[in-house]
């Protein structure tokens, strides 16, 4: 949750460059609570079965943050260009610190 709080001040700039979504595996009520607690402006998409997380290789597995946990996505972010090509896929517990990388990448593509 703290990573979303850290990222929130940069959401307007990110959203001016791309569509930005938060993917969450919790219940709809927990997701609403997450938005309320963090004040994030990005929409929250539910991924209860981890289908989205797995399709972008963002599920917990050995070698990534939280890799020994089952049934949870890896924390991080994915940048996909307008043609559907994954440009950046990064598992990172502290992804809120990566706003500049995200913005620079979006400006470059």
PDB file of N, CA and C in Angstrom:
ATOM      1  N   UNK A   1       0.815  -1.186   0.000  1.00  0.00           N
ATOM      2  CA  UNK A   1       0.000   0.000   0.000  1.00  0.00           C
ATOM      3  C   UNK A   1       0.866   1.259   0.000  1.00  0.00           C
ATOM      4  N   UNK A   2       1.964   1.263   0.772  1.00  0.00           N
ATOM      5  CA  UNK A   2       2.804   2.455   0.856  1.00  0.00           C
ATOM      6  C   UNK A   2       3.419   2.807  -0.491  1.00  0.00           C
ATOM      7  N   UNK A   3       3.628   1.806  -1.359  1.00  0.00           N
ATOM      8  CA  UNK A   3       4.200   2.091  -2.674  1.00  0.00           C
ATOM      9  C   UNK A   3       3.222   2.892  -3.531  1.00  0.00           C
ATOM     10  N   UNK A   4       1.938   2.620  -3.391  1.00  0.00           N
ATOM     11  CA  UNK A   4       0.938   3.401  -4.121  1.00  0.00           C
ATOM     12  C   UNK A   4       0.880   4.829  -3.607  1.00  0.00           C
ATOM     13  N   UNK A   5       1.011   4.992  -2.295  1.00  0.00           N
ATOM     14  CA  UNK A   5       1.036   6.330  -1.707  1.00  0.00           C
ATOM     15  C   UNK A   5       2.246   7.094  -2.236  1.00  0.00           C
ATOM     16  N   UNK A   6       3.375   6.419  -2.321  1.00  0.00           N
ATOM     17  CA  UNK A   6       4.597   7.054  -2.825  1.00  0.00           C
ATOM     18  C   UNK A   6       4.474   7.414  -4.308  1.00  0.00           C
ATOM     19  N   UNK A   7       3.771   6.603  -5.051  1.00  0.00           N
ATOM     20  CA  UNK A   7       3.614   6.808  -6.491  1.00  0.00           C
ATOM     21  C   UNK A   7       2.531   7.841  -6.830  1.00  0.00           C
ATOM     22  N   UNK A   8       1.561   8.010  -5.963  1.00  0.00           N
ATOM     23  CA  UNK A   8       0.402   8.860  -6.236  1.00  0.00           C
ATOM     24  C   UNK A   8       0.737  10.268  -6.726  1.00  0.00           C
ATOM     25  N   UNK A   9       1.707  10.987  -6.139  1.00  0.00           N
ATOM     26  CA  UNK A   9       1.985  12.339  -6.638  1.00  0.00           C
ATOM     27  C   UNK A   9       2.405  12.371  -8.120  1.00  0.00           C
ATOM     28  N   UNK A  10       2.886  11.259  -8.636  1.00  0.00           N
ATOM     29  CA  UNK A  10       3.320  11.206 -10.030  1.00  0.00           C
ATOM     30  C   UNK A  10       2.234  10.662 -10.966  1.00  0.00           C
ATOM     31  N   UNK A  11       1.095  10.192 -10.398  1.00  0.00           N
ATOM     32  CA  UNK A  11       0.028   9.640 -11.232  1.00  0.00           C
ATOM     33  C   UNK A  11      -0.464  10.614 -12.300  1.00  0.00           C
ATOM     34  N   UNK A  12      -0.657  11.916 -12.009  1.00  0.00           N
ATOM     35  CA  UNK A  12      -1.117  12.799 -13.083  1.00  0.00           C
ATOM     36  C   UNK A  12      -0.175  12.813 -14.292  1.00  0.00           C
ATOM     37  N   UNK A  13       1.118  12.849 -14.037  1.00  0.00           N
ATOM     38  CA  UNK A  13       2.075  12.824 -15.150  1.00  0.00           C
ATOM     39  C   UNK A  13       2.051  11.474 -15.862  1.00  0.00           C
ATOM     40  N   UNK A  14       2.002  10.396 -15.095  1.00  0.00           N
ATOM     41  CA  UNK A  14       1.914   9.064 -15.699  1.00  0.00           C
ATOM     42  C   UNK A  14       0.650   8.941 -16.547  1.00  0.00           C
ATOM     43  N   UNK A  15      -0.477   9.419 -16.015  1.00  0.00           N
ATOM     44  CA  UNK A  15      -1.736   9.307 -16.722  1.00  0.00           C
ATOM     45  C   UNK A  15      -1.803  10.211 -17.953  1.00  0.00           C
ATOM     46  N   UNK A  16      -0.968  11.235 -18.007  1.00  0.00           N
ATOM     47  CA  UNK A  16      -0.920  12.069 -19.208  1.00  0.00           C
ATOM     48  C   UNK A  16      -0.169  11.364 -20.336  1.00  0.00           C
ATOM     49  N   UNK A  17       0.611  10.343 -19.984  1.00  0.00           N
ATOM     50  CA  UNK A  17       1.416   9.617 -20.968  1.00  0.00           C
ATOM     51  C   UNK A  17       0.838   8.247 -21.314  1.00  0.00           C
ATOM     52  N   UNK A  18      -0.005   7.700 -20.443  1.00  0.00           N
ATOM     53  CA  UNK A  18      -0.482   6.326 -20.647  1.00  0.00           C
ATOM     54  C   UNK A  18      -1.724   6.066 -19.805  1.00  0.00           C
ATOM     55  N   UNK A  19      -2.372   4.953 -20.099  1.00  0.00           N
ATOM     56  CA  UNK A  19      -3.442   4.473 -19.234  1.00  0.00           C
ATOM     57  C   UNK A  19      -2.764   3.748 -18.070  1.00  0.00           C
ATOM     58  N   UNK A  20      -3.138   4.097 -16.862  1.00  0.00           N
ATOM     59  CA  UNK A  20      -2.504   3.545 -15.672  1.00  0.00           C
ATOM     60  C   UNK A  20      -3.557   2.807 -14.853  1.00  0.00           C
ATOM     61  N   UNK A  21      -3.236   1.584 -14.458  1.00  0.00           N
ATOM     62  CA  UNK A  21      -4.134   0.768 -13.647  1.00  0.00           C
ATOM     63  C   UNK A  21      -3.360   0.149 -12.493  1.00  0.00           C
ATOM     64  N   UNK A  22      -4.052  -0.050 -11.398  1.00  0.00           N
ATOM     65  CA  UNK A  22      -3.539  -0.822 -10.282  1.00  0.00           C
ATOM     66  C   UNK A  22      -4.231  -2.178 -10.365  1.00  0.00           C
ATOM     67  N   UNK A  23      -3.467  -3.255 -10.318  1.00  0.00           N
ATOM     68  CA  UNK A  23      -4.037  -4.599 -10.358  1.00  0.00           C
ATOM     69  C   UNK A  23      -3.964  -5.167  -8.948  1.00  0.00           C
ATOM     70  N   UNK A  24      -5.109  -5.639  -8.457  1.00  0.00           N
ATOM     71  CA  UNK A  24      -5.220  -6.079  -7.073  1.00  0.00           C
ATOM     72  C   UNK A  24      -5.914  -7.440  -7.037  1.00  0.00           C
ATOM     73  N   UNK A  25      -5.509  -8.297  -6.127  1.00  0.00           N
ATOM     74  CA  UNK A  25      -6.117  -9.629  -6.011  1.00  0.00           C
ATOM     75  C   UNK A  25      -7.115  -9.718  -4.868  1.00  0.00           C
ATOM     76  N   UNK A  26      -7.350  -8.645  -4.190  1.00  0.00           N
ATOM     77  CA  UNK A  26      -8.273  -8.663  -3.059  1.00  0.00           C
ATOM     78  C   UNK A  26      -9.726  -8.627  -3.527  1.00  0.00           C
ATOM     79  N   UNK A  27     -10.634  -8.587  -2.573  1.00  0.00           N
ATOM     80  CA  UNK A  27     -12.065  -8.502  -2.867  1.00  0.00           C
ATOM     81  C   UNK A  27     -12.401  -7.095  -3.353  1.00  0.00           C
ATOM     82  N   UNK A  28     -13.568  -6.931  -3.985  1.00  0.00           N
ATOM     83  CA  UNK A  28     -13.971  -5.581  -4.387  1.00  0.00           C
ATOM     84  C   UNK A  28     -13.999  -4.606  -3.200  1.00  0.00           C
ATOM     85  N   UNK A  29     -14.493  -5.056  -2.061  1.00  0.00           N
ATOM     86  CA  UNK A  29     -14.540  -4.184  -0.887  1.00  0.00           C
ATOM     87  C   UNK A  29     -13.130  -3.792  -0.432  1.00  0.00           C
ATOM     88  N   UNK A  30     -12.205  -4.746  -0.420  1.00  0.00           N
ATOM     89  CA  UNK A  30     -10.818  -4.436  -0.045  1.00  0.00           C
ATOM     90  C   UNK A  30     -10.187  -3.477  -1.038  1.00  0.00           C
ATOM     91  N   UNK A  31     -10.525  -3.615  -2.303  1.00  0.00           N
ATOM     92  CA  UNK A  31      -9.987  -2.714  -3.325  1.00  0.00           C
ATOM     93  C   UNK A  31     -10.516  -1.300  -3.143  1.00  0.00           C
ATOM     94  N   UNK A  32     -11.805  -1.176  -2.806  1.00  0.00           N
ATOM     95  CA  UNK A  32     -12.358   0.156  -2.524  1.00  0.00           C
ATOM     96  C   UNK A  32     -11.671   0.769  -1.308  1.00  0.00           C
ATOM     97  N   UNK A  33     -11.424  -0.055  -0.297  1.00  0.00           N
ATOM     98  CA  UNK A  33     -10.728   0.416   0.899  1.00  0.00           C
ATOM     99  C   UNK A  33      -9.301   0.847   0.556  1.00  0.00           C
ATOM    100  N   UNK A  34      -8.637   0.095  -0.313  1.00  0.00           N
ATOM    101  CA  UNK A  34      -7.288   0.454  -0.764  1.00  0.00           C
ATOM    102  C   UNK A  34      -7.288   1.835  -1.415  1.00  0.00           C
ATOM    103  N   UNK A  35      -8.244   2.081  -2.306  1.00  0.00           N
ATOM    104  CA  UNK A  35      -8.334   3.398  -2.963  1.00  0.00           C
ATOM    105  C   UNK A  35      -8.579   4.500  -1.940  1.00  0.00           C
ATOM    106  N   UNK A  36      -9.451   4.224  -0.979  1.00  0.00           N
ATOM    107  CA  UNK A  36      -9.778   5.225   0.029  1.00  0.00           C
ATOM    108  C   UNK A  36      -8.579   5.513   0.926  1.00  0.00           C
ATOM    109  N   UNK A  37      -7.899   4.452   1.376  1.00  0.00           N
ATOM    110  CA  UNK A  37      -6.758   4.634   2.291  1.00  0.00           C
ATOM    111  C   UNK A  37      -5.572   5.314   1.630  1.00  0.00           C
ATOM    112  N   UNK A  38      -5.319   4.977   0.361  1.00  0.00           N
ATOM    113  CA  UNK A  38      -4.140   5.518  -0.313  1.00  0.00           C
ATOM    114  C   UNK A  38      -4.424   6.823  -1.047  1.00  0.00           C
ATOM    115  N   UNK A  39      -5.691   7.049  -1.392  1.00  0.00           N
ATOM    116  CA  UNK A  39      -6.037   8.237  -2.168  1.00  0.00           C
ATOM    117  C   UNK A  39      -5.598   8.147  -3.619  1.00  0.00           C
ATOM    118  N   UNK A  40      -5.322   6.938  -4.107  1.00  0.00           N
ATOM    119  CA  UNK A  40      -4.846   6.795  -5.487  1.00  0.00           C
ATOM    120  C   UNK A  40      -5.944   7.171  -6.472  1.00  0.00           C
ATOM    121  N   UNK A  41      -5.523   7.764  -7.573  1.00  0.00           N
ATOM    122  CA  UNK A  41      -6.482   8.191  -8.592  1.00  0.00           C
ATOM    123  C   UNK A  41      -6.620   7.176  -9.720  1.00  0.00           C
ATOM    124  N   UNK A  42      -5.719   6.229  -9.806  1.00  0.00           N
ATOM    125  CA  UNK A  42      -5.785   5.214 -10.874  1.00  0.00           C
ATOM    126  C   UNK A  42      -6.884   4.204 -10.563  1.00  0.00           C
ATOM    127  N   UNK A  43      -7.538   3.684 -11.615  1.00  0.00           N
ATOM    128  CA  UNK A  43      -8.531   2.634 -11.383  1.00  0.00           C
ATOM    129  C   UNK A  43      -7.871   1.361 -10.872  1.00  0.00           C
ATOM    130  N   UNK A  44      -8.613   0.616 -10.047  1.00  0.00           N
ATOM    131  CA  UNK A  44      -8.129  -0.652  -9.508  1.00  0.00           C
ATOM    132  C   UNK A  44      -8.849  -1.787 -10.234  1.00  0.00           C
ATOM    133  N   UNK A  45      -8.084  -2.657 -10.865  1.00  0.00           N
ATOM    134  CA  UNK A  45      -8.631  -3.819 -11.552  1.00  0.00           C
ATOM    135  C   UNK A  45      -8.463  -5.042 -10.663  1.00  0.00           C
ATOM    136  N   UNK A  46      -9.490  -5.873 -10.602  1.00  0.00           N
ATOM    137  CA  UNK A  46      -9.425  -7.072  -9.778  1.00  0.00           C
ATOM    138  C   UNK A  46      -8.863  -8.241 -10.577  1.00  0.00           C
ATOM    139  N   UNK A  47      -7.967  -8.977  -9.957  1.00  0.00           N
ATOM    140  CA  UNK A  47      -7.316 -10.123 -10.595  1.00  0.00           C
ATOM    141  C   UNK A  47      -7.304 -11.298  -9.616  1.00  0.00           C
ATOM    142  N   UNK A  48      -8.495 -11.682  -9.139  1.00  0.00           N
ATOM    143  CA  UNK A  48      -8.592 -12.710  -8.107  1.00  0.00           C
ATOM    144  C   UNK A  48      -7.939 -14.025  -8.503  1.00  0.00           C
ATOM    145  N   UNK A  49      -8.037 -14.441  -9.750  1.00  0.00           N
ATOM    146  CA  UNK A  49      -7.458 -15.710 -10.184  1.00  0.00           C
ATOM    147  C   UNK A  49      -6.027 -15.592 -10.677  1.00  0.00           C
ATOM    148  N   UNK A  50      -5.437 -14.402 -10.584  1.00  0.00           N
ATOM    149  CA  UNK A  50      -4.061 -14.117 -11.024  1.00  0.00           C
ATOM    150  C   UNK A  50      -3.867 -14.269 -12.536  1.00  0.00           C
ATOM    151  N   UNK A  51      -4.932 -14.259 -13.314  1.00  0.00           N
ATOM    152  CA  UNK A  51      -4.802 -14.409 -14.769  1.00  0.00           C
ATOM    153  C   UNK A  51      -3.996 -13.267 -15.372  1.00  0.00           C
ATOM    154  N   UNK A  52      -4.283 -12.037 -14.967  1.00  0.00           N
ATOM    155  CA  UNK A  52      -3.546 -10.883 -15.497  1.00  0.00           C
ATOM    156  C   UNK A  52      -2.099 -10.939 -15.023  1.00  0.00           C
ATOM    157  N   UNK A  53      -1.914 -11.207 -13.751  1.00  0.00           N
ATOM    158  CA  UNK A  53      -0.555 -11.281 -13.198  1.00  0.00           C
ATOM    159  C   UNK A  53       0.282 -12.332 -13.918  1.00  0.00           C
ATOM    160  N   UNK A  54      -0.309 -13.486 -14.173  1.00  0.00           N
ATOM    161  CA  UNK A  54       0.433 -14.552 -14.865  1.00  0.00           C
ATOM    162  C   UNK A  54       0.684 -14.201 -16.328  1.00  0.00           C
ATOM    163  N   UNK A  55      -0.276 -13.553 -16.968  1.00  0.00           N
ATOM    164  CA  UNK A  55      -0.098 -13.244 -18.393  1.00  0.00           C
ATOM    165  C   UNK A  55       1.048 -12.253 -18.621  1.00  0.00           C
ATOM    166  N   UNK A  56       1.369 -11.457 -17.601  1.00  0.00           N
ATOM    167  CA  UNK A  56       2.499 -10.526 -17.705  1.00  0.00           C
ATOM    168  C   UNK A  56       3.679 -10.967 -16.846  1.00  0.00           C
ATOM    169  N   UNK A  57       3.664 -12.248 -16.451  1.00  0.00           N
ATOM    170  CA  UNK A  57       4.755 -12.842 -15.679  1.00  0.00           C
ATOM    171  C   UNK A  57       5.019 -12.075 -14.385  1.00  0.00           C
ATOM    172  N   UNK A  58       3.952 -11.656 -13.733  1.00  0.00           N
ATOM    173  CA  UNK A  58       4.066 -10.899 -12.492  1.00  0.00           C
ATOM    174  C   UNK A  58       3.483 -11.679 -11.317  1.00  0.00           C
ATOM    175  N   UNK A  59       3.618 -13.008 -11.342  1.00  0.00           N
ATOM    176  CA  UNK A  59       3.149 -13.829 -10.232  1.00  0.00           C
ATOM    177  C   UNK A  59       4.348 -14.224  -9.362  1.00  0.00           C
ATOM    178  N   UNK A  60       4.064 -14.478  -8.118  1.00  0.00           N
ATOM    179  CA  UNK A  60       5.133 -14.851  -7.188  1.00  0.00           C
ATOM    180  C   UNK A  60       5.721 -16.196  -7.590  1.00  0.00           C
ATOM    181  N   UNK A  61       7.036 -16.257  -7.620  1.00  0.00           N
ATOM    182  CA  UNK A  61       7.771 -17.478  -7.945  1.00  0.00           C
ATOM    183  C   UNK A  61       9.204 -17.280  -7.442  1.00  0.00           C
ATOM    184  N   UNK A  62       9.959 -18.343  -7.286  1.00  0.00           N
ATOM    185  CA  UNK A  62      11.340 -18.192  -6.803  1.00  0.00           C
ATOM    186  C   UNK A  62      12.127 -17.205  -7.664  1.00  0.00           C
ATOM    187  N   UNK A  63      12.883 -16.365  -7.006  1.00  0.00           N
ATOM    188  CA  UNK A  63      13.729 -15.409  -7.710  1.00  0.00           C
ATOM    189  C   UNK A  63      13.132 -14.019  -7.850  1.00  0.00           C
ATOM    190  N   UNK A  64      11.870 -13.832  -7.448  1.00  0.00           N
ATOM    191  CA  UNK A  64      11.267 -12.500  -7.481  1.00  0.00           C
ATOM    192  C   UNK A  64      10.837 -12.134  -6.065  1.00  0.00           C
ATOM    193  N   UNK A  65      10.648 -10.836  -5.786  1.00  0.00           N
ATOM    194  CA  UNK A  65      10.197 -10.457  -4.450  1.00  0.00           C
ATOM    195  C   UNK A  65       8.931 -11.223  -4.055  1.00  0.00           C
ATOM    196  N   UNK A  66       8.860 -11.683  -2.853  1.00  0.00           N
ATOM    197  CA  UNK A  66       7.753 -12.459  -2.303  1.00  0.00           C
ATOM    198  C   UNK A  66       7.607 -13.796  -3.019  1.00  0.00           C
ATOM    199  N   UNK A  67       8.687 -14.289  -3.605  1.00  0.00           N
ATOM    200  CA  UNK A  67       8.657 -15.476  -4.439  1.00  0.00           C
ATOM    201  C   UNK A  67       8.242 -16.767  -3.765  1.00  0.00           C
ATOM    202  N   UNK A  68       8.361 -16.842  -2.470  1.00  0.00           N
ATOM    203  CA  UNK A  68       7.991 -18.070  -1.768  1.00  0.00           C
ATOM    204  C   UNK A  68       6.524 -18.087  -1.343  1.00  0.00           C
ATOM    205  N   UNK A  69       5.808 -17.018  -1.628  1.00  0.00           N
ATOM    206  CA  UNK A  69       4.391 -16.955  -1.274  1.00  0.00           C
ATOM    207  C   UNK A  69       3.570 -17.551  -2.409  1.00  0.00           C
ATOM    208  N   UNK A  70       2.460 -18.140  -2.088  1.00  0.00           N
ATOM    209  CA  UNK A  70       1.569 -18.729  -3.092  1.00  0.00           C
ATOM    210  C   UNK A  70       0.294 -17.899  -3.192  1.00  0.00           C
ATOM    211  N   UNK A  71      -0.231 -17.785  -4.387  1.00  0.00           N
ATOM    212  CA  UNK A  71      -1.515 -17.123  -4.585  1.00  0.00           C
ATOM    213  C   UNK A  71      -1.484 -15.619  -4.519  1.00  0.00           C
ATOM    214  N   UNK A  72      -0.314 -15.038  -4.668  1.00  0.00           N
ATOM    215  CA  UNK A  72      -0.207 -13.574  -4.671  1.00  0.00           C
ATOM    216  C   UNK A  72       0.590 -13.136  -5.899  1.00  0.00           C
ATOM    217  N   UNK A  73       0.303 -11.955  -6.413  1.00  0.00           N
ATOM    218  CA  UNK A  73       1.110 -11.452  -7.517  1.00  0.00           C
ATOM    219  C   UNK A  73       2.426 -10.883  -6.990  1.00  0.00           C
ATOM    220  N   UNK A  74       3.396 -10.790  -7.865  1.00  0.00           N
ATOM    221  CA  UNK A  74       4.628 -10.097  -7.508  1.00  0.00           C
ATOM    222  C   UNK A  74       4.327  -8.602  -7.506  1.00  0.00           C
ATOM    223  N   UNK A  75       4.945  -7.879  -6.607  1.00  0.00           N
ATOM    224  CA  UNK A  75       4.786  -6.421  -6.619  1.00  0.00           C
ATOM    225  C   UNK A  75       5.698  -5.858  -7.693  1.00  0.00           C
ATOM    226  N   UNK A  76       5.242  -4.838  -8.380  1.00  0.00           N
ATOM    227  CA  UNK A  76       6.035  -4.222  -9.424  1.00  0.00           C
ATOM    228  C   UNK A  76       5.156  -3.540 -10.447  1.00  0.00           C
ATOM    229  N   UNK A  77       5.663  -3.458 -11.675  1.00  0.00           N
ATOM    230  CA  UNK A  77       4.896  -2.783 -12.718  1.00  0.00           C
ATOM    231  C   UNK A  77       5.268  -3.326 -14.085  1.00  0.00           C
ATOM    232  N   UNK A  78       4.368  -3.094 -15.037  1.00  0.00           N
ATOM    233  CA  UNK A  78       4.558  -3.490 -16.421  1.00  0.00           C
ATOM    234  C   UNK A  78       4.202  -2.283 -17.291  1.00  0.00           C
ATOM    235  N   UNK A  79       5.024  -1.991 -18.282  1.00  0.00           N
ATOM    236  CA  UNK A  79       4.706  -0.947 -19.255  1.00  0.00           C
ATOM    237  C   UNK A  79       4.517  -1.626 -20.599  1.00  0.00           C
ATOM    238  N   UNK A  80       3.344  -1.419 -21.183  1.00  0.00           N
ATOM    239  CA  UNK A  80       2.972  -2.027 -22.459  1.00  0.00           C
ATOM    240  C   UNK A  80       2.729  -0.897 -23.448  1.00  0.00           C
ATOM    241  N   UNK A  81       3.323  -0.974 -24.631  1.00  0.00           N
ATOM    242  CA  UNK A  81       3.135   0.101 -25.599  1.00  0.00           C
ATOM    243  C   UNK A  81       1.793  -0.030 -26.326  1.00  0.00           C
ATOM    244  N   UNK A  82       1.495   0.917 -27.197  1.00  0.00           N
ATOM    245  CA  UNK A  82       0.208   0.957 -27.902  1.00  0.00           C
ATOM    246  C   UNK A  82      -0.017  -0.263 -28.787  1.00  0.00           C
ATOM    247  N   UNK A  83       1.052  -0.955 -29.150  1.00  0.00           N
ATOM    248  CA  UNK A  83       0.943  -2.159 -29.972  1.00  0.00           C
ATOM    249  C   UNK A  83       0.842  -3.432 -29.150  1.00  0.00           C
ATOM    250  N   UNK A  84       0.770  -3.286 -27.830  1.00  0.00           N
ATOM    251  CA  UNK A  84       0.643  -4.448 -26.954  1.00  0.00           C
ATOM    252  C   UNK A  84       1.960  -5.119 -26.622  1.00  0.00           C
ATOM    253  N   UNK A  85       3.069  -4.468 -26.939  1.00  0.00           N
ATOM    254  CA  UNK A  85       4.393  -5.028 -26.660  1.00  0.00           C
ATOM    255  C   UNK A  85       4.848  -4.599 -25.270  1.00  0.00           C
ATOM    256  N   UNK A  86       5.247  -5.572 -24.454  1.00  0.00           N
ATOM    257  CA  UNK A  86       5.761  -5.275 -23.116  1.00  0.00           C
ATOM    258  C   UNK A  86       7.129  -4.618 -23.267  1.00  0.00           C
ATOM    259  N   UNK A  87       7.240  -3.392 -22.814  1.00  0.00           N
ATOM    260  CA  UNK A  87       8.498  -2.646 -22.882  1.00  0.00           C
ATOM    261  C   UNK A  87       9.311  -2.778 -21.606  1.00  0.00           C
ATOM    262  N   UNK A  88       8.629  -2.828 -20.463  1.00  0.00           N
ATOM    263  CA  UNK A  88       9.297  -2.991 -19.171  1.00  0.00           C
ATOM    264  C   UNK A  88       8.418  -3.887 -18.319  1.00  0.00           C
ATOM    265  N   UNK A  89       9.029  -4.849 -17.679  1.00  0.00           N
ATOM    266  CA  UNK A  89       8.357  -5.720 -16.718  1.00  0.00           C
ATOM    267  C   UNK A  89       9.302  -5.810 -15.545  1.00  0.00           C
ATOM    268  N   UNK A  90       8.891  -5.285 -14.406  1.00  0.00           N
ATOM    269  CA  UNK A  90       9.809  -5.235 -13.279  1.00  0.00           C
ATOM    270  C   UNK A  90       9.119  -5.646 -11.986  1.00  0.00           C
ATOM    271  N   UNK A  91       9.607  -6.710 -11.375  1.00  0.00           N
ATOM    272  CA  UNK A  91       9.167  -7.110 -10.045  1.00  0.00           C
ATOM    273  C   UNK A  91      10.032  -6.356  -9.044  1.00  0.00           C
ATOM    274  N   UNK A  92       9.382  -5.576  -8.197  1.00  0.00           N
ATOM    275  CA  UNK A  92      10.137  -4.716  -7.304  1.00  0.00           C
ATOM    276  C   UNK A  92       9.262  -4.349  -6.109  1.00  0.00           C
ATOM    277  N   UNK A  93       9.675  -4.720  -4.918  1.00  0.00           N
ATOM    278  CA  UNK A  93       8.894  -4.413  -3.726  1.00  0.00           C
ATOM    279  C   UNK A  93       8.672  -2.922  -3.535  1.00  0.00           C
ATOM    280  N   UNK A  94       9.628  -2.118  -3.975  1.00  0.00           N
ATOM    281  CA  UNK A  94       9.563  -0.674  -3.761  1.00  0.00           C
ATOM    282  C   UNK A  94       9.313   0.056  -5.077  1.00  0.00           C
ATOM    283  N   UNK A  95       8.325  -0.429  -5.851  1.00  0.00           N
ATOM    284  CA  UNK A  95       8.058   0.134  -7.175  1.00  0.00           C
ATOM    285  C   UNK A  95       7.615   1.592  -7.120  1.00  0.00           C
ATOM    286  N   UNK A  96       7.158   2.068  -5.980  1.00  0.00           N
ATOM    287  CA  UNK A  96       6.775   3.472  -5.851  1.00  0.00           C
ATOM    288  C   UNK A  96       7.937   4.413  -6.102  1.00  0.00           C
ATOM    289  N   UNK A  97       9.144   3.916  -5.918  1.00  0.00           N
ATOM    290  CA  UNK A  97      10.351   4.726  -6.146  1.00  0.00           C
ATOM    291  C   UNK A  97      10.726   4.784  -7.632  1.00  0.00           C
ATOM    292  N   UNK A  98      10.014   4.026  -8.472  1.00  0.00           N
ATOM    293  CA  UNK A  98      10.365   3.915  -9.883  1.00  0.00           C
ATOM    294  C   UNK A  98       9.579   4.851 -10.796  1.00  0.00           C
ATOM    295  N   UNK A  99       8.922   5.847 -10.245  1.00  0.00           N
ATOM    296  CA  UNK A  99       8.101   6.741 -11.064  1.00  0.00           C
ATOM    297  C   UNK A  99       8.917   7.396 -12.172  1.00  0.00           C
ATOM    298  N   UNK A 100      10.118   7.841 -11.878  1.00  0.00           N
ATOM    299  CA  UNK A 100      10.943   8.491 -12.908  1.00  0.00           C
ATOM    300  C   UNK A 100      11.287   7.530 -14.027  1.00  0.00           C
ATOM    301  N   UNK A 101      11.595   6.281 -13.688  1.00  0.00           N
ATOM    302  CA  UNK A 101      11.867   5.267 -14.705  1.00  0.00           C
ATOM    303  C   UNK A 101      10.627   5.042 -15.567  1.00  0.00           C
ATOM    304  N   UNK A 102       9.477   4.942 -14.933  1.00  0.00           N
ATOM    305  CA  UNK A 102       8.236   4.748 -15.687  1.00  0.00           C
ATOM    306  C   UNK A 102       7.988   5.911 -16.648  1.00  0.00           C
ATOM    307  N   UNK A 103       8.127   7.128 -16.149  1.00  0.00           N
ATOM    308  CA  UNK A 103       7.885   8.314 -16.973  1.00  0.00           C
ATOM    309  C   UNK A 103       8.900   8.414 -18.101  1.00  0.00           C
ATOM    310  N   UNK A 104      10.172   8.194 -17.824  1.00  0.00           N
ATOM    311  CA  UNK A 104      11.197   8.238 -18.874  1.00  0.00           C
ATOM    312  C   UNK A 104      10.942   7.193 -19.941  1.00  0.00           C
ATOM    313  N   UNK A 105      10.546   5.991 -19.522  1.00  0.00           N
ATOM    314  CA  UNK A 105      10.240   4.930 -20.479  1.00  0.00           C
ATOM    315  C   UNK A 105       9.062   5.316 -21.355  1.00  0.00           C
ATOM    316  N   UNK A 106       8.011   5.820 -20.745  1.00  0.00           N
ATOM    317  CA  UNK A 106       6.820   6.222 -21.516  1.00  0.00           C
ATOM    318  C   UNK A 106       7.139   7.328 -22.512  1.00  0.00           C
ATOM    319  N   UNK A 107       7.980   8.272 -22.118  1.00  0.00           N
ATOM    320  CA  UNK A 107       8.351   9.359 -23.028  1.00  0.00           C
ATOM    321  C   UNK A 107       9.194   8.839 -24.193  1.00  0.00           C
ATOM    322  N   UNK A 108       9.934   7.773 -23.958  1.00  0.00           N
ATOM    323  CA  UNK A 108      10.832   7.247 -24.997  1.00  0.00           C
ATOM    324  C   UNK A 108      10.106   6.365 -26.032  1.00  0.00           C
ATOM    325  N   UNK A 109       8.939   5.839 -25.681  1.00  0.00           N
ATOM    326  CA  UNK A 109       8.266   4.945 -26.634  1.00  0.00           C
ATOM    327  C   UNK A 109       7.185   5.640 -27.439  1.00  0.00           C
TER     328      UNK A 109
END
